[in-house]
């Protein structure tokens, strides 16, 4: 059974009960300090001032200051305990959301609104953090303190406390009346804000297209309409929030007037002294402050409550990784690069892509795979990576089916170059060595040499330590592709999956890439997916995928020669072509 929003949230405070109880206890002690303050106020106005006793006045006033300092210390202690608890809970929620994202199948991830996910995770956890602070650090201590202060005021004058309840009851009636409306306005604002956030990301992604197609005016007008709606929803929420707070504050302030009226009549009738009235009034003021803190936290709690639903969806989505091994399967440490697809049938979004496909790639063999766009070539690559599982048939590595293997461990031996380079903000070194557990500088430089990107990297001011916040806007397509190829080669993979590896490369770079394929020693098993006939010439055999079936185009390319050319320190190179760096055993 799926957990409700509050149950989901409170689960993250399991084990923190002692800290919360301690915080509540400090809040109770803080509220109980009102009793001696009330007594001292009464002594000042009933004894010290009428008797002109300066010593008593000084002693009582000093004692009140000390008590207020003690109250401040208790309050800070309660807040410290509460903050540690809430921040730990938010951190754990973030940890679990990230872990959950990594557990999604590629099918689920590929069809997701990723910009929407980003907004929900970033904005949602921020609102949840604010709500946690309002709930645990403000609301709960204020609620406990309000109960303690109420008990103190009943002790001081039960009759006067009953009159104080009149606006307090109105306070909670007002909350029930307006709280639901405020929540609806918060929800409406969040929906528009998420649309706005997604739209801003779209604008940034298609900026060049917008300029090229002269669509600035139309896009600006469309965005202006969204801005107007965002303004209306934000203004509506903010105004109603102010209205809600004003109504609550007015109800509380009216309680002070009632006390003065009823208490003043008691003083005039001789039922109570001026000191008694002032001590009760002081306690009521502290109660009013606690209630103001309590009611002031409610809008933030309501806003955080609205963020719980989209965050909870990440945990309610019934999607897991394709294969269930994840650390429980066999670790194929002696993997030699042999991959087999056996009578694989695969449909994506109810569209048949593969119909009984069988494919064997032997150690050290280069297999070329071509075919029309959308025929499923990249899908075969994703099946080999374990991103998808076939509906019928099996995928095997080293003769063992993927169902029996630890795929995370197997992927350490597979180098992957996707159709479009995937680089992240960071240094070039971090991008090339990403996933290379050898973590050696030599391995990274060797891979860069093989991918023909060492020269341009070393010409940069910081070389491999050059940092890019957005590599895709700072480097050319060819440079991005070469770094992507270098990353695939780092760590000496035993199987190399190249999906359109010559994308963005010029003819000279393609020529070097072809030659480097020939001289790999030792050579991993390679699946070369491409529609470029020139690069397919380097394959030992070429297959074509069409209408979900594989047919053989060419049985042998006749490329058997492998040579080893060393990289000399200092940037000098040995090789048949000037200006071309040749790697040794990448």
Foldseek 3Di string as FASTA:
>chain_A
DADDLVVVLCVLCVVVVVLLVLLLVLLLVLLLLLLLLLVLLLCCQVPCVVVVPVVSNVVSVVVNVVSVVVSVVSLVSSLVSLLVSLVSSLVVLLVVLVVLVVFFFVLVVVPDPVLLVVCLSVVLSVLLSLLSCLVRSAQSSLVSSLVSLLVSLCVLPVVLSVLLCVLVVVLVVLCVVLVVVLLVLLLQLSVLVSVLSSLVVVCVVCVVVCVVVVPPVVSVVVNVVSVVSNVVSVVVNVVSLVVSLVSNLVSLVVSLVSLCVVVVVCCVVVVDHPSSSVSSSVSSVVSSVSVSSNSNSSSSNSSSSSSSVVSSVSVVPPGGAAADCQPVADQPPVFQQWKWWAQFWADRPNHTQAGGEIDIFDWQAEEEEEEDPPNCPVVVVCVQLRSHAGPDTFMDTPPHTPNRHNSVNVCLQEFEQAPAQDDAWFFLLCLQCPSQVVPDPVLLLLLLQLLVNQVVQCVDPVRRRDTDRDVPVVDARSNSLSSSSSSSPRNNHQEYEAAASCVRPDPVSLVSNLVLQLAAVVGHGYYHYHPDVVSCLSGQWYWYRDPNYIDTDGNGSPRDDYHAWDDDPPRDGDDDDPPRHHHGND
